[in-house]
Amino acid sequence: MRRFSGIAEMKELAGPVHLALGVFDGVHLGHQAVIGQALAARERDGGTCGVLTFDPYPIRVLFPEKAPRRLLASLDHKAEILGRMDVDFLLALPFDHRRAGEEAEDFIRELVAAGVKTIAVGDDWRFGKGRKGDVTLLSRFSGELGFGLEALPPVMMDGDRISSTRIRQAIQDGNLEAAARMLGRAYTVEGRVVEGRKLGRTIGFPTANVERGEEQFPPDGVWAVRAREGEERFDGVANLGMRPTVEGEERTLEVHLFDYAGDLYGRVLEVEFVKCLRGERKFESLEALKEQIGRDAAEAMYLLRGLDHEEH
């Protein structure tokens, strides 16, 4: 999937451009409904389908005190998810106070001048200086400038609208089943594998130390996990937390992959938390920790292979 950072770059794309606009943190079912309209326009009229979002998250620039501390997906992770949806490109506009002060009308005209023929948004989306841009304005300009407008109502679940805030809270509470229902897929985090203390390999359980980044993590504990690196997929067991037995100084995610003996340093690992096996606790010795990790690994392996059998 192609990546752009400026609106004018869309001029090099083939055919009409069908564009979904929004922040799309997590790309949940509500976001997917909006993006689906741009995909459908491409199917109907040909051309290219893309997503326009902003980097950083606009609320972090405009109202940092109200901004969530954690996101559901970093920009790179969002691009991975969109690529799997068959979106052709991601346009991540740098967001600052200058961009926030742009008149909504100018923003619309700039999009149309770059070849946009379909605009898809949530019907409550606001944009431009003073948040004056809305569906009413888009509808008026749609007739004047000749682009198609698709404005969708929120997607509901269990009587409430699906939102990134609601999903983030479910993950924080450890309710990953509810998060997955609202996302339309299992929740994952993504991070680069960096060097750690390499303690795991000395006790027979080498781990990938995954950079935490800015994505929302579930509660601390030992988890059965599934991991993805490129096109490869692995089962594993992970410790998320402070590692009290070895006097860890910061929250870390360490993943032990079954049946993997390669070097993952510098690679990006996507991790799905399948089930929490136990809470994190301090052991009296490294030998006791080693024995418990062995039990954790066996339990995770049994659980994950059982799930694989059910799925097939």
C-alpha atoms as a PDB file:
ATOM      1  CA  MET A   1       0.000   0.000   0.000  1.00  0.00           C
ATOM      2  CA  ARG A   2       1.264   3.458  -0.888  1.00  0.00           C
ATOM      3  CA  ARG A   3       1.846   6.149   1.738  1.00  0.00           C
ATOM      4  CA  PHE A   4       1.465   9.897   1.160  1.00  0.00           C
ATOM      5  CA  SER A   5       1.874  12.945   3.385  1.00  0.00           C
ATOM      6  CA  GLY A   6       0.483  15.675   1.110  1.00  0.00           C
ATOM      7  CA  ILE A   7      -2.810  16.163  -0.709  1.00  0.00           C
ATOM      8  CA  ALA A   8      -1.159  17.120  -4.012  1.00  0.00           C
ATOM      9  CA  GLU A   9       0.491  13.690  -4.150  1.00  0.00           C
ATOM     10  CA  MET A  10      -2.895  12.167  -5.030  1.00  0.00           C
ATOM     11  CA  LYS A  11      -2.669  13.790  -8.473  1.00  0.00           C
ATOM     12  CA  GLU A  12      -0.311  11.018  -9.600  1.00  0.00           C
ATOM     13  CA  LEU A  13      -2.901   8.304  -8.912  1.00  0.00           C
ATOM     14  CA  ALA A  14      -4.751   6.538 -11.712  1.00  0.00           C
ATOM     15  CA  GLY A  15      -8.419   7.289 -12.310  1.00  0.00           C
ATOM     16  CA  PRO A  16     -10.869   8.954  -9.918  1.00  0.00           C
ATOM     17  CA  VAL A  17      -9.888   8.986  -6.254  1.00  0.00           C
ATOM     18  CA  HIS A  18     -12.375   7.705  -3.686  1.00  0.00           C
ATOM     19  CA  LEU A  19     -11.405   8.920  -0.234  1.00  0.00           C
ATOM     20  CA  ALA A  20     -12.521   8.065   3.300  1.00  0.00           C
ATOM     21  CA  LEU A  21     -11.761  10.858   5.781  1.00  0.00           C
ATOM     22  CA  GLY A  22     -11.327  10.549   9.537  1.00  0.00           C
ATOM     23  CA  VAL A  23      -8.973   9.800  12.399  1.00  0.00           C
ATOM     24  CA  PHE A  24      -9.786   6.058  12.289  1.00  0.00           C
ATOM     25  CA  ASP A  25      -7.975   5.103  15.502  1.00  0.00           C
ATOM     26  CA  GLY A  26      -8.187   1.316  15.579  1.00  0.00           C
ATOM     27  CA  VAL A  27     -10.114   1.041  12.294  1.00  0.00           C
ATOM     28  CA  HIS A  28     -13.135  -0.414  14.139  1.00  0.00           C
ATOM     29  CA  LEU A  29     -16.438  -1.525  12.587  1.00  0.00           C
ATOM     30  CA  GLY A  30     -17.736   2.040  12.387  1.00  0.00           C
ATOM     31  CA  HIS A  31     -14.600   3.141  10.572  1.00  0.00           C
ATOM     32  CA  GLN A  32     -14.775   0.095   8.323  1.00  0.00           C
ATOM     33  CA  ALA A  33     -18.312   1.053   7.289  1.00  0.00           C
ATOM     34  CA  VAL A  34     -17.069   4.482   6.150  1.00  0.00           C
ATOM     35  CA  ILE A  35     -14.020   3.053   4.372  1.00  0.00           C
ATOM     36  CA  GLY A  36     -16.286   0.440   2.796  1.00  0.00           C
ATOM     37  CA  GLN A  37     -18.147   3.212   0.965  1.00  0.00           C
ATOM     38  CA  ALA A  38     -14.906   4.381  -0.664  1.00  0.00           C
ATOM     39  CA  LEU A  39     -14.054   0.785  -1.567  1.00  0.00           C
ATOM     40  CA  ALA A  40     -17.528   0.330  -3.075  1.00  0.00           C
ATOM     41  CA  ALA A  41     -17.108   3.520  -5.152  1.00  0.00           C
ATOM     42  CA  ARG A  42     -13.842   2.157  -6.535  1.00  0.00           C
ATOM     43  CA  GLU A  43     -15.570  -1.120  -7.398  1.00  0.00           C
ATOM     44  CA  ARG A  44     -18.377   0.763  -9.124  1.00  0.00           C
ATOM     45  CA  ASP A  45     -16.471   3.539 -10.896  1.00  0.00           C
ATOM     46  CA  GLY A  46     -12.876   2.316 -11.082  1.00  0.00           C
ATOM     47  CA  GLY A  47      -9.955   4.398  -9.930  1.00  0.00           C
ATOM     48  CA  THR A  48      -8.184   4.355  -6.572  1.00  0.00           C
ATOM     49  CA  CYS A  49      -9.398   4.038  -2.976  1.00  0.00           C
ATOM     50  CA  GLY A  50      -7.617   5.718  -0.093  1.00  0.00           C
ATOM     51  CA  VAL A  51      -7.890   6.841   3.495  1.00  0.00           C
ATOM     52  CA  LEU A  52      -7.015  10.343   4.673  1.00  0.00           C
ATOM     53  CA  THR A  53      -6.084  10.667   8.323  1.00  0.00           C
ATOM     54  CA  PHE A  54      -3.933  12.982  10.428  1.00  0.00           C
ATOM     55  CA  ASP A  55      -0.646  12.613  12.250  1.00  0.00           C
ATOM     56  CA  PRO A  56      -0.486  13.252  15.117  1.00  0.00           C
ATOM     57  CA  TYR A  57      -3.984  12.600  16.410  1.00  0.00           C
ATOM     58  CA  PRO A  58      -5.604  16.091  16.196  1.00  0.00           C
ATOM     59  CA  ILE A  59      -6.884  16.124  19.773  1.00  0.00           C
ATOM     60  CA  ARG A  60      -3.282  15.794  20.957  1.00  0.00           C
ATOM     61  CA  VAL A  61      -2.474  19.098  19.259  1.00  0.00           C
ATOM     62  CA  LEU A  62      -5.668  21.027  20.002  1.00  0.00           C
ATOM     63  CA  PHE A  63      -6.657  19.716  23.445  1.00  0.00           C
ATOM     64  CA  PRO A  64      -3.713  17.728  24.844  1.00  0.00           C
ATOM     65  CA  GLU A  65      -5.276  17.615  28.300  1.00  0.00           C
ATOM     66  CA  LYS A  66      -8.252  15.704  26.860  1.00  0.00           C
ATOM     67  CA  ALA A  67      -6.279  13.417  24.563  1.00  0.00           C
ATOM     68  CA  PRO A  68      -6.063   9.695  25.295  1.00  0.00           C
ATOM     69  CA  ARG A  69      -2.678   8.619  26.580  1.00  0.00           C
ATOM     70  CA  ARG A  70      -2.806   5.491  24.427  1.00  0.00           C
ATOM     71  CA  LEU A  71      -3.994   4.777  20.889  1.00  0.00           C
ATOM     72  CA  LEU A  72      -5.506   1.629  19.422  1.00  0.00           C
ATOM     73  CA  ALA A  73      -3.119   1.685  16.476  1.00  0.00           C
ATOM     74  CA  SER A  74       0.015   3.619  15.627  1.00  0.00           C
ATOM     75  CA  LEU A  75       0.204   5.122  12.150  1.00  0.00           C
ATOM     76  CA  ASP A  76       2.292   2.218  10.830  1.00  0.00           C
ATOM     77  CA  HIS A  77      -0.034  -0.324  12.410  1.00  0.00           C
ATOM     78  CA  LYS A  78      -3.037   1.486  10.925  1.00  0.00           C
ATOM     79  CA  ALA A  79      -1.425   1.219   7.499  1.00  0.00           C
ATOM     80  CA  GLU A  80      -1.014  -2.547   7.980  1.00  0.00           C
ATOM     81  CA  ILE A  81      -4.692  -2.941   8.875  1.00  0.00           C
ATOM     82  CA  LEU A  82      -5.847  -0.813   5.940  1.00  0.00           C
ATOM     83  CA  GLY A  83      -3.647  -2.760   3.553  1.00  0.00           C
ATOM     84  CA  ARG A  84      -5.422  -5.952   4.579  1.00  0.00           C
ATOM     85  CA  MET A  85      -8.714  -4.251   3.698  1.00  0.00           C
ATOM     86  CA  ASP A  86      -7.444  -3.716   0.123  1.00  0.00           C
ATOM     87  CA  VAL A  87      -7.153   0.064   0.507  1.00  0.00           C
ATOM     88  CA  ASP A  88      -4.762   1.418  -2.138  1.00  0.00           C
ATOM     89  CA  PHE A  89      -3.129   4.245  -0.202  1.00  0.00           C
ATOM     90  CA  LEU A  90      -2.950   6.034   3.130  1.00  0.00           C
ATOM     91  CA  LEU A  91      -2.611   9.825   3.179  1.00  0.00           C
ATOM     92  CA  ALA A  92      -1.449  10.912   6.637  1.00  0.00           C
ATOM     93  CA  LEU A  93      -1.528  14.708   6.725  1.00  0.00           C
ATOM     94  CA  PRO A  94       0.811  16.315   9.252  1.00  0.00           C
ATOM     95  CA  PHE A  95      -1.459  18.024  11.780  1.00  0.00           C
ATOM     96  CA  ASP A  96      -0.473  21.241  13.512  1.00  0.00           C
ATOM     97  CA  HIS A  97      -2.091  24.552  14.406  1.00  0.00           C
ATOM     98  CA  ARG A  98      -1.628  25.821  10.855  1.00  0.00           C
ATOM     99  CA  ARG A  99      -3.589  22.865   9.478  1.00  0.00           C
ATOM    100  CA  ALA A 100      -6.196  23.298  12.228  1.00  0.00           C
ATOM    101  CA  GLY A 101      -6.661  26.922  11.142  1.00  0.00           C
ATOM    102  CA  GLU A 102      -7.388  26.068   7.514  1.00  0.00           C
ATOM    103  CA  GLU A 103     -10.864  27.061   6.338  1.00  0.00           C
ATOM    104  CA  ALA A 104     -13.087  24.036   5.741  1.00  0.00           C
ATOM    105  CA  GLU A 105     -14.018  25.279   2.246  1.00  0.00           C
ATOM    106  CA  ASP A 106     -10.351  25.518   1.255  1.00  0.00           C
ATOM    107  CA  PHE A 107      -9.717  21.985   2.467  1.00  0.00           C
ATOM    108  CA  ILE A 108     -12.583  20.622   0.333  1.00  0.00           C
ATOM    109  CA  ARG A 109     -11.418  22.492  -2.763  1.00  0.00           C
ATOM    110  CA  GLU A 110      -7.877  21.219  -2.261  1.00  0.00           C
ATOM    111  CA  LEU A 111      -9.131  17.620  -2.183  1.00  0.00           C
ATOM    112  CA  VAL A 112     -11.201  18.042  -5.342  1.00  0.00           C
ATOM    113  CA  ALA A 113      -8.312  19.726  -7.157  1.00  0.00           C
ATOM    114  CA  ALA A 114      -6.224  16.615  -6.411  1.00  0.00           C
ATOM    115  CA  GLY A 115      -8.727  14.356  -8.175  1.00  0.00           C
ATOM    116  CA  VAL A 116     -11.071  13.275  -5.382  1.00  0.00           C
ATOM    117  CA  LYS A 117     -14.433  12.168  -6.789  1.00  0.00           C
ATOM    118  CA  THR A 118     -15.922  10.459  -3.721  1.00  0.00           C
ATOM    119  CA  ILE A 119     -15.725  11.584  -0.101  1.00  0.00           C
ATOM    120  CA  ALA A 120     -16.873   9.178   2.620  1.00  0.00           C
ATOM    121  CA  VAL A 121     -17.201  10.323   6.255  1.00  0.00           C
ATOM    122  CA  GLY A 122     -19.051   9.583   9.444  1.00  0.00           C
ATOM    123  CA  ASP A 123     -22.088  11.856   9.593  1.00  0.00           C
ATOM    124  CA  ASP A 124     -20.775  13.575  12.753  1.00  0.00           C
ATOM    125  CA  TRP A 125     -17.290  14.297  11.400  1.00  0.00           C
ATOM    126  CA  ARG A 126     -16.118  17.903  11.829  1.00  0.00           C
ATOM    127  CA  PHE A 127     -13.114  19.578  10.252  1.00  0.00           C
ATOM    128  CA  GLY A 128     -11.499  22.894   9.405  1.00  0.00           C
ATOM    129  CA  LYS A 129     -11.105  26.138  11.320  1.00  0.00           C
ATOM    130  CA  GLY A 130     -13.454  26.292  14.283  1.00  0.00           C
ATOM    131  CA  ARG A 131     -14.730  22.810  13.300  1.00  0.00           C
ATOM    132  CA  LYS A 132     -17.086  24.561  10.871  1.00  0.00           C
ATOM    133  CA  GLY A 133     -16.765  21.812   8.283  1.00  0.00           C
ATOM    134  CA  ASP A 134     -19.485  19.187   8.524  1.00  0.00           C
ATOM    135  CA  VAL A 135     -21.757  17.003   6.405  1.00  0.00           C
ATOM    136  CA  THR A 136     -24.004  19.955   5.584  1.00  0.00           C
ATOM    137  CA  LEU A 137     -21.063  21.882   4.132  1.00  0.00           C
ATOM    138  CA  LEU A 138     -19.788  18.815   2.281  1.00  0.00           C
ATOM    139  CA  SER A 139     -23.242  18.237   0.811  1.00  0.00           C
ATOM    140  CA  ARG A 140     -23.415  21.815  -0.474  1.00  0.00           C
ATOM    141  CA  PHE A 141     -19.981  21.603  -2.072  1.00  0.00           C
ATOM    142  CA  SER A 142     -20.733  18.155  -3.475  1.00  0.00           C
ATOM    143  CA  GLY A 143     -23.198  19.702  -5.920  1.00  0.00           C
ATOM    144  CA  GLU A 144     -21.009  22.710  -6.652  1.00  0.00           C
ATOM    145  CA  LEU A 145     -17.732  20.849  -7.203  1.00  0.00           C
ATOM    146  CA  GLY A 146     -19.064  17.579  -8.550  1.00  0.00           C
ATOM    147  CA  PHE A 147     -17.954  14.924  -6.079  1.00  0.00           C
ATOM    148  CA  GLY A 148     -20.028  12.154  -4.539  1.00  0.00           C
ATOM    149  CA  LEU A 149     -20.683  12.255  -0.791  1.00  0.00           C
ATOM    150  CA  GLU A 150     -21.247   9.233   1.443  1.00  0.00           C
ATOM    151  CA  ALA A 151     -22.101  10.138   5.054  1.00  0.00           C
ATOM    152  CA  LEU A 152     -22.740   7.236   7.402  1.00  0.00           C
ATOM    153  CA  PRO A 153     -24.364   7.136  10.850  1.00  0.00           C
ATOM    154  CA  PRO A 154     -22.456   5.512  13.716  1.00  0.00           C
ATOM    155  CA  VAL A 155     -22.422   1.718  13.967  1.00  0.00           C
ATOM    156  CA  MET A 156     -24.104   0.543  17.165  1.00  0.00           C
ATOM    157  CA  MET A 157     -23.439  -2.453  19.392  1.00  0.00           C
ATOM    158  CA  ASP A 158     -25.340  -3.404  22.551  1.00  0.00           C
ATOM    159  CA  GLY A 159     -27.284  -0.154  22.442  1.00  0.00           C
ATOM    160  CA  ASP A 160     -24.273   2.197  22.249  1.00  0.00           C
ATOM    161  CA  ARG A 161     -22.196   3.534  19.406  1.00  0.00           C
ATOM    162  CA  ILE A 162     -18.914   1.819  18.714  1.00  0.00           C
ATOM    163  CA  SER A 163     -16.099   4.253  19.471  1.00  0.00           C
ATOM    164  CA  SER A 164     -12.347   4.148  19.931  1.00  0.00           C
ATOM    165  CA  THR A 165     -12.808   5.381  23.507  1.00  0.00           C
ATOM    166  CA  ARG A 166     -15.165   2.508  24.296  1.00  0.00           C
ATOM    167  CA  ILE A 167     -12.777  -0.058  22.777  1.00  0.00           C
ATOM    168  CA  ARG A 168      -9.787   1.427  24.589  1.00  0.00           C
ATOM    169  CA  GLN A 169     -11.592   1.072  27.911  1.00  0.00           C
ATOM    170  CA  ALA A 170     -12.555  -2.537  27.163  1.00  0.00           C
ATOM    171  CA  ILE A 171      -8.889  -3.391  26.492  1.00  0.00           C
ATOM    172  CA  GLN A 172      -7.735  -1.587  29.608  1.00  0.00           C
ATOM    173  CA  ASP A 173     -10.288  -3.630  31.588  1.00  0.00           C
ATOM    174  CA  GLY A 174      -9.070  -6.871  30.011  1.00  0.00           C
ATOM    175  CA  ASN A 175     -12.335  -7.433  28.128  1.00  0.00           C
ATOM    176  CA  LEU A 176     -10.671  -8.323  24.836  1.00  0.00           C
ATOM    177  CA  GLU A 177     -13.716 -10.257  23.651  1.00  0.00           C
ATOM    178  CA  ALA A 178     -15.815  -7.070  23.705  1.00  0.00           C
ATOM    179  CA  ALA A 179     -12.982  -5.147  22.019  1.00  0.00           C
ATOM    180  CA  ALA A 180     -12.763  -7.762  19.261  1.00  0.00           C
ATOM    181  CA  ARG A 181     -16.497  -7.590  18.615  1.00  0.00           C
ATOM    182  CA  MET A 182     -16.311  -3.822  18.138  1.00  0.00           C
ATOM    183  CA  LEU A 183     -13.152  -4.007  16.042  1.00  0.00           C
ATOM    184  CA  GLY A 184     -14.389  -6.847  13.858  1.00  0.00           C
ATOM    185  CA  ARG A 185     -11.090  -8.649  14.496  1.00  0.00           C
ATOM    186  CA  ALA A 186      -8.817  -9.639  17.365  1.00  0.00           C
ATOM    187  CA  TYR A 187      -7.073  -6.704  19.010  1.00  0.00           C
ATOM    188  CA  THR A 188      -3.333  -6.584  18.408  1.00  0.00           C
ATOM    189  CA  VAL A 189      -0.423  -4.337  19.299  1.00  0.00           C
ATOM    190  CA  GLU A 190       2.606  -3.789  17.130  1.00  0.00           C
ATOM    191  CA  GLY A 191       6.163  -2.929  18.052  1.00  0.00           C
ATOM    192  CA  ARG A 192       9.768  -3.295  17.015  1.00  0.00           C
ATOM    193  CA  VAL A 193      11.850  -5.986  18.701  1.00  0.00           C
ATOM    194  CA  VAL A 194      14.687  -4.375  20.660  1.00  0.00           C
ATOM    195  CA  GLU A 195      17.511  -5.702  22.783  1.00  0.00           C
ATOM    196  CA  GLY A 196      16.670  -6.497  26.380  1.00  0.00           C
ATOM    197  CA  ARG A 197      18.658  -8.021  29.223  1.00  0.00           C
ATOM    198  CA  LYS A 198      18.665 -11.422  27.425  1.00  0.00           C
ATOM    199  CA  LEU A 199      17.806 -13.137  30.694  1.00  0.00           C
ATOM    200  CA  GLY A 200      15.245 -15.414  29.064  1.00  0.00           C
ATOM    201  CA  ARG A 201      17.799 -17.269  26.971  1.00  0.00           C
ATOM    202  CA  THR A 202      19.856 -18.079  30.080  1.00  0.00           C
ATOM    203  CA  ILE A 203      16.905 -19.999  31.565  1.00  0.00           C
ATOM    204  CA  GLY A 204      15.859 -21.705  28.345  1.00  0.00           C
ATOM    205  CA  PHE A 205      13.092 -19.329  27.248  1.00  0.00           C
ATOM    206  CA  PRO A 206      14.483 -16.700  24.853  1.00  0.00           C
ATOM    207  CA  THR A 207      12.105 -13.769  24.443  1.00  0.00           C
ATOM    208  CA  ALA A 208      11.497 -10.989  21.976  1.00  0.00           C
ATOM    209  CA  ASN A 209      11.432  -7.676  23.839  1.00  0.00           C
ATOM    210  CA  VAL A 210       8.733  -5.682  21.993  1.00  0.00           C
ATOM    211  CA  GLU A 211       8.899  -1.887  22.124  1.00  0.00           C
ATOM    212  CA  ARG A 212       5.784  -0.680  23.860  1.00  0.00           C
ATOM    213  CA  GLY A 213       5.179   2.400  21.735  1.00  0.00           C
ATOM    214  CA  GLU A 214       1.929   4.323  22.164  1.00  0.00           C
ATOM    215  CA  GLU A 215      -0.687   1.594  21.756  1.00  0.00           C
ATOM    216  CA  GLN A 216      -3.131   0.517  24.456  1.00  0.00           C
ATOM    217  CA  PHE A 217      -2.084  -2.599  26.365  1.00  0.00           C
ATOM    218  CA  PRO A 218      -4.339  -4.914  28.372  1.00  0.00           C
ATOM    219  CA  PRO A 219      -3.728  -5.551  32.099  1.00  0.00           C
ATOM    220  CA  ASP A 220      -0.365  -6.912  33.227  1.00  0.00           C
ATOM    221  CA  GLY A 221       0.092 -10.644  33.458  1.00  0.00           C
ATOM    222  CA  VAL A 222       1.190 -13.738  31.605  1.00  0.00           C
ATOM    223  CA  TRP A 223      -0.687 -14.206  28.338  1.00  0.00           C
ATOM    224  CA  ALA A 224      -1.128 -16.853  25.683  1.00  0.00           C
ATOM    225  CA  VAL A 225      -0.401 -14.926  22.486  1.00  0.00           C
ATOM    226  CA  ARG A 226      -0.329 -15.198  18.746  1.00  0.00           C
ATOM    227  CA  ALA A 227       2.295 -13.201  16.905  1.00  0.00           C
ATOM    228  CA  ARG A 228       2.865 -12.166  13.321  1.00  0.00           C
ATOM    229  CA  GLU A 229       6.089 -11.057  11.655  1.00  0.00           C
ATOM    230  CA  GLY A 230       5.541 -10.271   7.986  1.00  0.00           C
ATOM    231  CA  GLU A 231       3.707 -13.270   6.562  1.00  0.00           C
ATOM    232  CA  GLU A 232       4.867 -15.633   9.317  1.00  0.00           C
ATOM    233  CA  ARG A 233       2.637 -16.499  12.269  1.00  0.00           C
ATOM    234  CA  PHE A 234       3.612 -18.018  15.603  1.00  0.00           C
ATOM    235  CA  ASP A 235       2.043 -19.118  18.865  1.00  0.00           C
ATOM    236  CA  GLY A 236       3.693 -18.093  22.091  1.00  0.00           C
ATOM    237  CA  VAL A 237       3.516 -16.988  25.702  1.00  0.00           C
ATOM    238  CA  ALA A 238       4.206 -13.435  26.866  1.00  0.00           C
ATOM    239  CA  ASN A 239       4.862 -11.553  30.047  1.00  0.00           C
ATOM    240  CA  LEU A 240       3.465  -8.035  30.209  1.00  0.00           C
ATOM    241  CA  GLY A 241       4.473  -5.985  33.224  1.00  0.00           C
ATOM    242  CA  MET A 242       7.308  -4.975  35.521  1.00  0.00           C
ATOM    243  CA  ARG A 243       9.127  -8.369  35.873  1.00  0.00           C
ATOM    244  CA  PRO A 244       9.331  -8.188  39.691  1.00  0.00           C
ATOM    245  CA  THR A 245      11.528 -11.300  40.024  1.00  0.00           C
ATOM    246  CA  VAL A 246      14.393  -9.584  38.183  1.00  0.00           C
ATOM    247  CA  GLU A 247      13.584  -6.100  39.524  1.00  0.00           C
ATOM    248  CA  GLY A 248      12.423  -4.616  36.253  1.00  0.00           C
ATOM    249  CA  GLU A 249      12.299  -0.821  36.147  1.00  0.00           C
ATOM    250  CA  GLU A 250       9.671  -0.262  33.442  1.00  0.00           C
ATOM    251  CA  ARG A 251       6.669  -1.988  31.943  1.00  0.00           C
ATOM    252  CA  THR A 252       7.748  -4.342  29.181  1.00  0.00           C
ATOM    253  CA  LEU A 253       6.276  -6.889  26.790  1.00  0.00           C
ATOM    254  CA  GLU A 254       8.432  -9.995  26.407  1.00  0.00           C
ATOM    255  CA  VAL A 255       7.250 -12.709  24.022  1.00  0.00           C
ATOM    256  CA  HIS A 256       8.534 -16.290  23.866  1.00  0.00           C
ATOM    257  CA  LEU A 257       7.616 -17.836  20.518  1.00  0.00           C
ATOM    258  CA  PHE A 258       7.194 -21.584  20.245  1.00  0.00           C
ATOM    259  CA  ASP A 259       9.180 -23.345  17.523  1.00  0.00           C
ATOM    260  CA  TYR A 260      11.198 -20.244  16.592  1.00  0.00           C
ATOM    261  CA  ALA A 261      14.974 -20.002  16.810  1.00  0.00           C
ATOM    262  CA  GLY A 262      15.809 -17.035  14.559  1.00  0.00           C
ATOM    263  CA  ASP A 263      16.851 -13.459  15.263  1.00  0.00           C
ATOM    264  CA  LEU A 264      13.999 -10.939  15.446  1.00  0.00           C
ATOM    265  CA  TYR A 265      16.023  -7.850  16.437  1.00  0.00           C
ATOM    266  CA  GLY A 266      14.889  -4.819  14.480  1.00  0.00           C
ATOM    267  CA  ARG A 267      11.812  -6.526  13.069  1.00  0.00           C
ATOM    268  CA  VAL A 268       8.224  -5.491  13.755  1.00  0.00           C
ATOM    269  CA  LEU A 269       6.112  -7.990  15.668  1.00  0.00           C
ATOM    270  CA  GLU A 270       2.307  -7.828  15.825  1.00  0.00           C
ATOM    271  CA  VAL A 271       0.988  -9.483  18.986  1.00  0.00           C
ATOM    272  CA  GLU A 272      -2.530 -10.712  19.762  1.00  0.00           C
ATOM    273  CA  PHE A 273      -3.336 -11.278  23.442  1.00  0.00           C
ATOM    274  CA  VAL A 274      -5.496 -14.417  23.374  1.00  0.00           C
ATOM    275  CA  LYS A 275      -5.989 -15.213  27.062  1.00  0.00           C
ATOM    276  CA  CYS A 276      -4.505 -14.118  30.380  1.00  0.00           C
ATOM    277  CA  LEU A 277      -3.102 -17.196  32.143  1.00  0.00           C
ATOM    278  CA  ARG A 278      -2.205 -15.595  35.465  1.00  0.00           C
ATOM    279  CA  GLY A 279      -1.237 -12.343  37.084  1.00  0.00           C
ATOM    280  CA  GLU A 280       2.367 -11.228  37.318  1.00  0.00           C
ATOM    281  CA  ARG A 281       4.104 -12.154  40.567  1.00  0.00           C
ATOM    282  CA  LYS A 282       7.550 -12.264  42.137  1.00  0.00           C
ATOM    283  CA  PHE A 283       9.351 -15.590  42.519  1.00  0.00           C
ATOM    284  CA  GLU A 284      11.932 -16.403  45.166  1.00  0.00           C
ATOM    285  CA  SER A 285      14.523 -17.551  42.637  1.00  0.00           C
ATOM    286  CA  LEU A 286      15.285 -17.753  38.910  1.00  0.00           C
ATOM    287  CA  GLU A 287      14.841 -21.528  39.141  1.00  0.00           C
ATOM    288  CA  ALA A 288      11.319 -21.103  40.482  1.00  0.00           C
ATOM    289  CA  LEU A 289      10.621 -18.569  37.714  1.00  0.00           C
ATOM    290  CA  LYS A 290      11.960 -21.019  35.108  1.00  0.00           C
ATOM    291  CA  GLU A 291       9.702 -23.797  36.366  1.00  0.00           C
ATOM    292  CA  GLN A 292       6.648 -21.517  36.268  1.00  0.00           C
ATOM    293  CA  ILE A 293       7.441 -20.289  32.760  1.00  0.00           C
ATOM    294  CA  GLY A 294       7.610 -23.927  31.670  1.00  0.00           C
ATOM    295  CA  ARG A 295       4.132 -24.487  33.064  1.00  0.00           C
ATOM    296  CA  ASP A 296       2.883 -21.259  31.489  1.00  0.00           C
ATOM    297  CA  ALA A 297       4.305 -22.236  28.102  1.00  0.00           C
ATOM    298  CA  ALA A 298       2.718 -25.692  28.259  1.00  0.00           C
ATOM    299  CA  GLU A 299      -0.662 -24.187  29.198  1.00  0.00           C
ATOM    300  CA  ALA A 300      -0.467 -21.597  26.430  1.00  0.00           C
ATOM    301  CA  MET A 301       0.536 -24.198  23.858  1.00  0.00           C
ATOM    302  CA  TYR A 302      -2.346 -26.485  24.857  1.00  0.00           C
ATOM    303  CA  LEU A 303      -4.831 -23.595  24.773  1.00  0.00           C
ATOM    304  CA  LEU A 304      -3.721 -22.182  21.423  1.00  0.00           C
ATOM    305  CA  ARG A 305      -3.526 -25.519  19.665  1.00  0.00           C
ATOM    306  CA  GLY A 306      -6.995 -26.321  20.948  1.00  0.00           C
ATOM    307  CA  LEU A 307      -8.278 -23.047  19.492  1.00  0.00           C
ATOM    308  CA  ASP A 308      -6.539 -23.794  16.192  1.00  0.00           C
ATOM    309  CA  HIS A 309      -8.304 -27.158  16.088  1.00  0.00           C
ATOM    310  CA  GLU A 310     -11.698 -25.511  16.755  1.00  0.00           C
ATOM    311  CA  GLU A 311     -11.117 -22.908  14.017  1.00  0.00           C
ATOM    312  CA  HIS A 312     -10.330 -25.582  11.465  1.00  0.00           C
END
